[in-house]
Amino acid sequence: MNKNVYQMNQNADRPPLRICFKCKFEGTTEAQKCPRCDRPLFTERNIRVRGILMTVLGLFLSGFMSVITFFVTGLLVSAAKKPQTNARLNQEPQLFVLIYIIFGGVIAMG
């Protein structure tokens, strides 16, 4: 039991693991800059927070583009019911395919 407490206290004194994204340096150091390339070093916690933020941003982007897709689809369906706009919509079906490919790509990338 005492051995585990000693190991936990010993780990608390160690500097955090830091990583450089440019030169792939990894080491336990208190330095804020990479010793190899002089770029900023990032801690594991910093990298984890960035990953969570990117995930949230991606989910927001996917959700927002999905809402826009449904809104545009509703507009197109209502426009297709009118005879004047229906003729124009039937002239360029490849435009709608392109629009939905772009929307699908943005949703997939999010």
Protein backbone atom coordinates (compact mmCIF):
# COMPACT_ATOMS: atom_id res chain seq x y z
CA MET A 1 0.00 0.00 0.00
CA ASN A 2 2.76 2.47 0.92
CA LYS A 3 4.62 1.60 -2.25
CA ASN A 4 1.66 2.78 -4.39
CA VAL A 5 1.44 6.08 -2.51
CA TYR A 6 5.16 6.61 -3.01
CA GLN A 7 4.84 5.96 -6.75
CA MET A 8 1.93 8.40 -7.06
CA ASN A 9 3.91 11.13 -5.26
CA GLN A 10 6.92 10.42 -7.43
CA ASN A 11 4.83 10.83 -10.62
CA ALA A 12 3.41 14.14 -9.37
CA ASP A 13 6.88 15.70 -9.39
CA ARG A 14 7.61 14.75 -13.01
CA PRO A 15 7.09 17.38 -15.70
CA PRO A 16 4.27 16.73 -18.17
CA LEU A 17 4.75 14.95 -21.47
CA ARG A 18 4.98 17.54 -24.24
CA ILE A 19 4.71 16.99 -27.98
CA CYS A 20 5.84 19.05 -30.99
CA PHE A 21 3.60 18.74 -34.04
CA LYS A 22 6.27 19.88 -36.49
CA CYS A 23 9.27 17.66 -35.74
CA LYS A 24 7.39 14.98 -33.71
CA PHE A 25 9.49 15.57 -30.57
CA GLU A 26 8.07 13.89 -27.46
CA GLY A 27 9.51 14.35 -24.03
CA THR A 28 8.81 15.17 -20.41
CA THR A 29 10.01 18.72 -20.03
CA GLU A 30 8.95 22.02 -18.52
CA ALA A 31 10.08 23.92 -21.63
CA GLN A 32 7.41 25.71 -23.64
CA LYS A 33 9.36 25.58 -26.92
CA CYS A 34 10.68 22.56 -28.78
CA PRO A 35 14.42 22.02 -28.31
CA ARG A 36 14.76 20.84 -31.92
CA CYS A 37 12.74 23.32 -33.98
CA ASP A 38 11.81 26.09 -31.49
CA ARG A 39 8.06 25.64 -32.10
CA PRO A 40 5.51 25.57 -29.25
CA LEU A 41 5.13 22.29 -27.37
CA PHE A 42 1.70 20.94 -26.47
CA THR A 43 0.73 18.89 -23.42
CA GLU A 44 -1.52 15.85 -23.55
CA ARG A 45 -4.31 17.86 -21.96
CA ASN A 46 -3.95 20.64 -24.54
CA ILE A 47 -4.16 18.13 -27.37
CA ARG A 48 -7.20 16.47 -25.78
CA VAL A 49 -9.02 19.82 -25.42
CA ARG A 50 -8.28 20.66 -29.07
CA GLY A 51 -9.65 17.27 -30.13
CA ILE A 52 -12.86 17.80 -28.18
CA LEU A 53 -13.29 21.28 -29.65
CA MET A 54 -12.75 19.95 -33.19
CA THR A 55 -15.30 17.18 -32.58
CA VAL A 56 -17.89 19.66 -31.31
CA LEU A 57 -17.20 21.99 -34.24
CA GLY A 58 -17.54 19.10 -36.71
CA LEU A 59 -20.84 18.01 -35.18
CA PHE A 60 -22.11 21.59 -35.34
CA LEU A 61 -21.08 21.87 -38.99
CA SER A 62 -22.76 18.59 -39.89
CA GLY A 63 -25.95 19.52 -38.07
CA PHE A 64 -26.08 23.02 -39.54
CA MET A 65 -25.55 21.75 -43.09
CA SER A 66 -28.24 19.09 -42.54
CA VAL A 67 -30.71 21.79 -41.53
CA ILE A 68 -29.78 23.86 -44.59
CA THR A 69 -30.20 20.78 -46.82
CA PHE A 70 -33.71 20.13 -45.49
CA PHE A 71 -34.59 23.82 -45.87
CA VAL A 72 -33.39 23.90 -49.49
CA THR A 73 -35.23 20.64 -50.22
CA GLY A 74 -38.44 22.17 -48.86
CA LEU A 75 -37.97 25.22 -51.06
CA LEU A 76 -37.36 23.05 -54.13
CA VAL A 77 -40.42 20.90 -53.46
CA SER A 78 -42.64 23.97 -53.08
CA ALA A 79 -41.12 25.49 -56.24
CA ALA A 80 -41.72 22.27 -58.18
CA LYS A 81 -45.46 22.52 -57.47
CA LYS A 82 -45.74 25.77 -59.44
CA PRO A 83 -45.95 25.31 -63.23
CA GLN A 84 -43.72 28.29 -64.06
CA THR A 85 -40.81 27.24 -61.87
CA ASN A 86 -41.30 23.53 -62.56
CA ALA A 87 -40.34 24.05 -66.20
CA ARG A 88 -37.13 25.85 -65.17
CA LEU A 89 -36.28 23.16 -62.61
CA ASN A 90 -36.66 20.40 -65.20
CA GLN A 91 -34.22 22.12 -67.57
CA GLU A 92 -31.20 21.75 -65.26
CA PRO A 93 -31.40 18.56 -63.16
CA GLN A 94 -27.58 18.23 -63.00
CA LEU A 95 -27.48 21.48 -60.99
CA PHE A 96 -29.49 19.86 -58.20
CA VAL A 97 -27.27 16.80 -58.20
CA LEU A 98 -24.25 19.08 -57.85
CA ILE A 99 -25.88 21.01 -54.99
CA TYR A 100 -26.64 17.83 -53.07
CA ILE A 101 -23.15 16.43 -53.72
CA ILE A 102 -21.65 19.60 -52.24
CA PHE A 103 -24.00 19.54 -49.25
CA GLY A 104 -23.31 15.83 -48.69
CA GLY A 105 -19.57 16.44 -48.88
CA VAL A 106 -19.71 19.22 -46.30
CA ILE A 107 -21.86 17.08 -44.01
CA ALA A 108 -19.47 14.13 -44.39
CA MET A 109 -16.40 16.29 -43.72
CA GLY A 110 -17.99 17.72 -40.57
